Amino acid sequence: MVFRRGQKIEVFQRSSDDMWEDYMDRFIGRHGIITDPDTSINDPDALVEVSLEGMGTHRLPQDCLRLLD
């Protein structure tokens, strides 16, 4: 999946990526907006910068994110 800036997302599960930290479990279920998809890298495993409602901006693995309609 290719994420684009401005898309609305949900952190819907814990990531299997090594970058996932235990504190990130509190992000599960939160909604946010893609702020930097790193499209220049074009790597599906690259971290994506998201602004989560009430939680600030974080770089998260893509396998924990899903698009919202």
N, C-alpha and C. Protein backbone atom coordinates (compact mmCIF):
# COMPACT_ATOMS: atom_id res chain seq x y z
N MET A 1 0.85 -1.18 0.00
CA MET A 1 0.00 0.00 0.00
C MET A 1 0.89 1.24 0.00
N VAL A 2 0.50 2.21 -0.77
CA VAL A 2 1.24 3.47 -0.82
C VAL A 2 0.45 4.52 -0.05
N PHE A 3 1.08 5.10 0.95
CA PHE A 3 0.44 6.16 1.72
C PHE A 3 0.80 7.51 1.12
N ARG A 4 -0.16 8.43 1.19
CA ARG A 4 0.04 9.78 0.66
C ARG A 4 -0.25 10.80 1.76
N ARG A 5 0.46 11.91 1.68
CA ARG A 5 0.27 12.99 2.66
C ARG A 5 -1.19 13.41 2.72
N GLY A 6 -1.70 13.58 3.93
CA GLY A 6 -3.06 14.04 4.13
C GLY A 6 -4.09 12.93 4.28
N GLN A 7 -3.70 11.68 4.01
CA GLN A 7 -4.66 10.58 4.16
C GLN A 7 -4.94 10.33 5.64
N LYS A 8 -6.19 9.99 5.93
CA LYS A 8 -6.59 9.66 7.30
C LYS A 8 -6.33 8.18 7.53
N ILE A 9 -5.72 7.89 8.70
CA ILE A 9 -5.37 6.51 9.02
C ILE A 9 -5.82 6.14 10.43
N GLU A 10 -5.78 4.86 10.70
CA GLU A 10 -5.98 4.33 12.04
C GLU A 10 -4.81 3.40 12.34
N VAL A 11 -4.29 3.47 13.55
CA VAL A 11 -3.33 2.47 14.01
C VAL A 11 -4.19 1.31 14.51
N PHE A 12 -4.26 0.23 13.75
CA PHE A 12 -5.24 -0.82 14.05
C PHE A 12 -4.65 -2.06 14.68
N GLN A 13 -3.32 -2.17 14.72
CA GLN A 13 -2.71 -3.36 15.33
C GLN A 13 -1.28 -3.06 15.72
N ARG A 14 -0.74 -3.93 16.53
CA ARG A 14 0.68 -3.87 16.90
C ARG A 14 1.50 -4.26 15.67
N SER A 15 2.61 -3.60 15.46
CA SER A 15 3.47 -3.89 14.31
C SER A 15 4.40 -5.06 14.62
N SER A 16 4.75 -5.80 13.59
CA SER A 16 5.75 -6.87 13.74
C SER A 16 7.16 -6.34 13.49
N ASP A 17 7.28 -5.07 13.15
CA ASP A 17 8.57 -4.43 12.88
C ASP A 17 9.38 -4.28 14.17
N ASP A 18 10.68 -4.44 14.06
CA ASP A 18 11.58 -4.29 15.22
C ASP A 18 11.55 -2.89 15.81
N MET A 19 11.11 -1.91 15.03
CA MET A 19 11.05 -0.53 15.51
C MET A 19 9.90 -0.30 16.49
N TRP A 20 8.96 -1.23 16.58
CA TRP A 20 7.80 -1.08 17.47
C TRP A 20 8.27 -1.21 18.91
N GLU A 21 7.90 -0.24 19.73
CA GLU A 21 8.23 -0.23 21.16
C GLU A 21 6.97 -0.50 21.96
N ASP A 22 7.12 -1.01 23.17
CA ASP A 22 5.96 -1.32 24.02
C ASP A 22 5.06 -0.12 24.26
N TYR A 23 5.66 1.09 24.40
CA TYR A 23 4.85 2.28 24.66
C TYR A 23 3.91 2.59 23.50
N MET A 24 4.24 2.09 22.30
CA MET A 24 3.40 2.35 21.13
C MET A 24 2.07 1.61 21.18
N ASP A 25 1.96 0.63 22.06
CA ASP A 25 0.68 -0.09 22.19
C ASP A 25 -0.47 0.86 22.51
N ARG A 26 -0.16 1.98 23.15
CA ARG A 26 -1.23 2.94 23.48
C ARG A 26 -1.71 3.70 22.25
N PHE A 27 -1.02 3.57 21.12
CA PHE A 27 -1.45 4.20 19.86
C PHE A 27 -2.53 3.39 19.15
N ILE A 28 -2.66 2.11 19.50
CA ILE A 28 -3.62 1.23 18.82
C ILE A 28 -5.04 1.77 19.02
N GLY A 29 -5.76 1.91 17.92
CA GLY A 29 -7.12 2.45 17.95
C GLY A 29 -7.18 3.95 17.70
N ARG A 30 -6.03 4.61 17.69
CA ARG A 30 -5.99 6.06 17.46
C ARG A 30 -6.06 6.38 15.97
N HIS A 31 -6.65 7.52 15.67
CA HIS A 31 -6.74 8.01 14.30
C HIS A 31 -5.76 9.15 14.11
N GLY A 32 -5.36 9.36 12.86
CA GLY A 32 -4.44 10.44 12.56
C GLY A 32 -4.37 10.73 11.08
N ILE A 33 -3.37 11.50 10.71
CA ILE A 33 -3.18 11.93 9.31
C ILE A 33 -1.72 11.69 8.94
N ILE A 34 -1.49 11.19 7.73
CA ILE A 34 -0.15 11.00 7.20
C ILE A 34 0.46 12.39 6.96
N THR A 35 1.61 12.65 7.57
CA THR A 35 2.27 13.94 7.36
C THR A 35 3.52 13.82 6.49
N ASP A 36 4.15 12.64 6.48
CA ASP A 36 5.33 12.43 5.63
C ASP A 36 5.41 10.96 5.27
N PRO A 37 4.95 10.62 4.06
CA PRO A 37 4.92 9.21 3.66
C PRO A 37 6.25 8.67 3.15
N ASP A 38 7.29 9.50 3.07
CA ASP A 38 8.59 9.07 2.54
C ASP A 38 8.47 8.45 1.16
N THR A 39 7.68 9.07 0.29
CA THR A 39 7.50 8.53 -1.06
C THR A 39 8.78 8.57 -1.87
N SER A 40 9.72 9.41 -1.49
CA SER A 40 10.99 9.46 -2.22
C SER A 40 11.79 8.18 -2.02
N ILE A 41 11.59 7.53 -0.88
CA ILE A 41 12.28 6.26 -0.61
C ILE A 41 11.62 5.14 -1.41
N ASN A 42 10.29 5.20 -1.53
CA ASN A 42 9.51 4.18 -2.23
C ASN A 42 9.79 2.79 -1.68
N ASP A 43 9.85 2.67 -0.38
CA ASP A 43 10.12 1.41 0.30
C ASP A 43 8.92 1.04 1.16
N PRO A 44 8.26 -0.06 0.85
CA PRO A 44 7.07 -0.43 1.62
C PRO A 44 7.36 -0.74 3.09
N ASP A 45 8.64 -0.95 3.43
CA ASP A 45 8.99 -1.23 4.82
C ASP A 45 9.45 0.02 5.57
N ALA A 46 9.51 1.16 4.88
CA ALA A 46 9.96 2.40 5.52
C ALA A 46 8.92 2.89 6.53
N LEU A 47 9.41 3.61 7.53
CA LEU A 47 8.51 4.21 8.52
C LEU A 47 7.77 5.38 7.89
N VAL A 48 6.56 5.61 8.38
CA VAL A 48 5.71 6.69 7.88
C VAL A 48 5.46 7.65 9.04
N GLU A 49 5.58 8.94 8.79
CA GLU A 49 5.31 9.93 9.83
C GLU A 49 3.82 10.24 9.85
N VAL A 50 3.22 10.10 11.04
CA VAL A 50 1.79 10.37 11.19
C VAL A 50 1.58 11.29 12.39
N SER A 51 0.57 12.14 12.26
CA SER A 51 0.15 12.98 13.36
C SER A 51 -1.09 12.32 13.95
N LEU A 52 -0.96 11.81 15.18
CA LEU A 52 -2.07 11.11 15.84
C LEU A 52 -2.84 12.09 16.71
N GLU A 53 -4.16 12.02 16.65
CA GLU A 53 -5.02 12.92 17.43
C GLU A 53 -4.70 12.78 18.92
N GLY A 54 -4.29 13.88 19.52
CA GLY A 54 -4.02 13.92 20.94
C GLY A 54 -2.74 13.23 21.38
N MET A 55 -1.94 12.74 20.42
CA MET A 55 -0.74 11.98 20.77
C MET A 55 0.54 12.55 20.14
N GLY A 56 0.43 13.57 19.30
CA GLY A 56 1.61 14.14 18.67
C GLY A 56 1.95 13.45 17.36
N THR A 57 3.15 13.73 16.87
CA THR A 57 3.63 13.18 15.60
C THR A 57 4.66 12.10 15.86
N HIS A 58 4.51 10.98 15.16
CA HIS A 58 5.38 9.82 15.37
C HIS A 58 5.70 9.17 14.03
N ARG A 59 6.83 8.47 13.98
CA ARG A 59 7.19 7.66 12.82
C ARG A 59 6.83 6.22 13.16
N LEU A 60 5.94 5.63 12.35
CA LEU A 60 5.42 4.29 12.63
C LEU A 60 5.63 3.37 11.44
N PRO A 61 5.79 2.08 11.71
CA PRO A 61 5.85 1.10 10.63
C PRO A 61 4.52 1.03 9.89
N GLN A 62 4.55 0.69 8.62
CA GLN A 62 3.35 0.71 7.80
C GLN A 62 2.39 -0.44 8.10
N ASP A 63 2.89 -1.56 8.63
CA ASP A 63 2.00 -2.71 8.83
C ASP A 63 1.01 -2.54 9.97
N CYS A 64 1.13 -1.46 10.73
CA CYS A 64 0.18 -1.21 11.81
C CYS A 64 -0.89 -0.19 11.42
N LEU A 65 -0.80 0.33 10.19
CA LEU A 65 -1.70 1.39 9.74
C LEU A 65 -2.69 0.90 8.70
N ARG A 66 -3.88 1.47 8.74
CA ARG A 66 -4.86 1.24 7.67
C ARG A 66 -5.55 2.55 7.36
N LEU A 67 -5.92 2.68 6.09
CA LEU A 67 -6.59 3.90 5.64
C LEU A 67 -8.03 3.93 6.13
N LEU A 68 -8.51 5.13 6.43
CA LEU A 68 -9.91 5.35 6.78
C LEU A 68 -10.57 6.01 5.58
N ASP A 69 -11.82 5.71 5.35
CA ASP A 69 -12.55 6.32 4.24
C ASP A 69 -12.99 7.71 4.56
